[in-house]
Amino acid sequence: MGKGMKAGKRPNPNKGMGGGNMQKQLAQVQAMQRKMEEVQAQVEEMTTSATSGGGAVNVTVNGAHQMVAIELKPEIVDPDDIEMLQDLILTATNEALRQMDEIAESEMGKVTGGLNLPF
């Protein structure tokens, strides 16, 4: 018999380890997890675009961090200056990915109530 327990007495399930309260919290965490998974799936379907070079390069990415479209204005394609085109593509792509990260963080924040949870 544990220290402080008397014969014939049972521990109160509503005291101590939290019994019912802990189950309620676990259910809330599981519901939040399901909602986060739903939101993550929705975010993966979203897209955002960014431009560089004054709109000469436009890159679209989705929430799964995949580039889904790239548009180049013909005047930006200069065979003698490939390096500039590469830089513009990188700049637009990185900005689109940064925007998508902000969107995902905002959408997840709606579910987590601002808790800083990894997703």
Protein backbone atom coordinates (compact mmCIF):
# COMPACT_ATOMS: atom_id res chain seq x y z
CA MET A 1 0.00 0.00 0.00
CA GLY A 2 1.32 3.44 -0.90
CA LYS A 3 2.40 5.96 1.65
CA GLY A 4 -0.52 7.94 3.00
CA MET A 5 -3.14 5.46 1.77
CA LYS A 6 -5.48 3.75 4.17
CA ALA A 7 -7.02 0.36 3.72
CA GLY A 8 -10.35 0.47 1.93
CA LYS A 9 -9.74 3.89 0.38
CA ARG A 10 -9.42 4.29 -3.34
CA PRO A 11 -7.66 7.18 -4.95
CA ASN A 12 -10.03 9.84 -6.23
CA PRO A 13 -9.89 9.72 -10.06
CA ASN A 14 -10.53 13.48 -10.17
CA LYS A 15 -7.43 14.24 -8.10
CA GLY A 16 -3.80 13.47 -8.37
CA MET A 17 -2.69 12.83 -11.93
CA GLY A 18 -5.58 14.68 -13.48
CA GLY A 19 -7.46 11.62 -14.75
CA GLY A 20 -10.47 13.06 -16.59
CA ASN A 21 -8.83 16.45 -17.08
CA MET A 22 -5.84 14.83 -18.76
CA GLN A 23 -8.12 12.87 -21.09
CA LYS A 24 -9.93 16.09 -21.98
CA GLN A 25 -6.63 17.81 -22.74
CA LEU A 26 -5.48 14.85 -24.83
CA ALA A 27 -8.72 15.00 -26.82
CA GLN A 28 -8.19 18.74 -27.39
CA VAL A 29 -4.62 18.17 -28.57
CA GLN A 30 -5.78 15.40 -30.92
CA ALA A 31 -8.52 17.66 -32.33
CA MET A 32 -5.96 20.44 -32.84
CA GLN A 33 -3.64 18.00 -34.56
CA ARG A 34 -6.40 16.89 -36.95
CA LYS A 35 -7.25 20.53 -37.71
CA MET A 36 -3.57 21.32 -38.31
CA GLU A 37 -3.34 18.44 -40.77
CA GLU A 38 -6.42 19.76 -42.60
CA VAL A 39 -4.98 23.27 -42.74
CA GLN A 40 -1.61 21.94 -43.92
CA ALA A 41 -3.36 20.11 -46.77
CA GLN A 42 -5.20 23.32 -47.68
CA VAL A 43 -1.98 25.35 -47.57
CA GLU A 44 -0.28 22.85 -49.90
CA GLU A 45 -2.99 23.61 -52.48
CA MET A 46 -2.47 27.39 -52.21
CA THR A 47 -0.19 29.31 -54.52
CA THR A 48 1.59 32.63 -54.37
CA SER A 49 3.62 34.53 -56.93
CA ALA A 50 6.50 36.95 -56.78
CA THR A 51 8.23 39.02 -59.41
CA SER A 52 11.67 40.47 -59.93
CA GLY A 53 13.26 42.70 -62.52
CA GLY A 54 10.31 45.06 -62.51
CA GLY A 55 7.94 42.23 -63.43
CA ALA A 56 10.20 40.67 -66.05
CA VAL A 57 10.30 37.42 -64.09
CA ASN A 58 7.24 35.98 -62.34
CA VAL A 59 7.48 32.79 -60.28
CA THR A 60 4.55 30.91 -58.73
CA VAL A 61 5.02 28.37 -55.93
CA ASN A 62 2.58 26.21 -54.00
CA GLY A 63 2.34 25.41 -50.31
CA ALA A 64 4.36 22.23 -50.82
CA HIS A 65 7.29 24.50 -51.79
CA GLN A 66 7.19 23.47 -55.42
CA MET A 67 7.63 25.93 -58.25
CA VAL A 68 4.51 25.52 -60.38
CA ALA A 69 5.00 28.28 -62.95
CA ILE A 70 7.61 30.66 -64.24
CA GLU A 71 6.99 33.46 -66.69
CA LEU A 72 9.72 35.42 -68.43
CA LYS A 73 9.21 38.51 -70.54
CA PRO A 74 11.06 38.03 -73.82
CA GLU A 75 13.14 41.18 -73.38
CA ILE A 76 14.76 39.75 -70.25
CA VAL A 77 16.24 36.79 -72.16
CA ASP A 78 19.68 37.97 -73.21
CA PRO A 79 22.07 35.19 -74.22
CA ASP A 80 24.97 37.47 -73.35
CA ASP A 81 23.72 38.00 -69.78
CA ILE A 82 22.47 34.65 -68.51
CA GLU A 83 23.77 35.48 -65.03
CA MET A 84 21.29 38.35 -64.63
CA LEU A 85 18.40 36.10 -65.66
CA GLN A 86 19.52 33.46 -63.17
CA ASP A 87 19.67 36.06 -60.40
CA LEU A 88 16.19 37.35 -61.24
CA ILE A 89 14.75 33.83 -61.19
CA LEU A 90 16.39 33.10 -57.84
CA THR A 91 15.17 36.38 -56.37
CA ALA A 92 11.58 35.83 -57.47
CA THR A 93 11.59 32.19 -56.36
CA ASN A 94 12.98 32.95 -52.92
CA GLU A 95 10.46 35.76 -52.42
CA ALA A 96 7.56 33.51 -53.45
CA LEU A 97 8.76 30.82 -51.02
CA ARG A 98 9.11 33.38 -48.22
CA GLN A 99 5.55 34.57 -48.90
CA MET A 100 4.27 30.99 -48.81
CA ASP A 101 5.99 30.44 -45.46
CA GLU A 102 4.19 33.52 -44.11
CA ILE A 103 0.86 32.25 -45.44
CA ALA A 104 1.40 28.82 -43.87
CA GLU A 105 2.42 30.37 -40.55
CA SER A 106 -0.64 32.62 -40.56
CA GLU A 107 -3.02 29.77 -41.38
CA MET A 108 -1.50 27.52 -38.72
CA GLY A 109 -1.63 30.37 -36.21
CA LYS A 110 -5.39 30.43 -36.64
CA VAL A 111 -5.49 26.81 -35.47
CA THR A 112 -2.87 26.93 -32.73
CA GLY A 113 -3.99 30.27 -31.29
CA GLY A 114 -0.51 31.69 -31.63
CA LEU A 115 1.30 28.79 -29.95
CA ASN A 116 4.72 28.43 -31.51
CA LEU A 117 4.35 24.80 -32.58
CA PRO A 118 6.38 23.20 -35.37
CA PHE A 119 4.39 21.92 -38.31
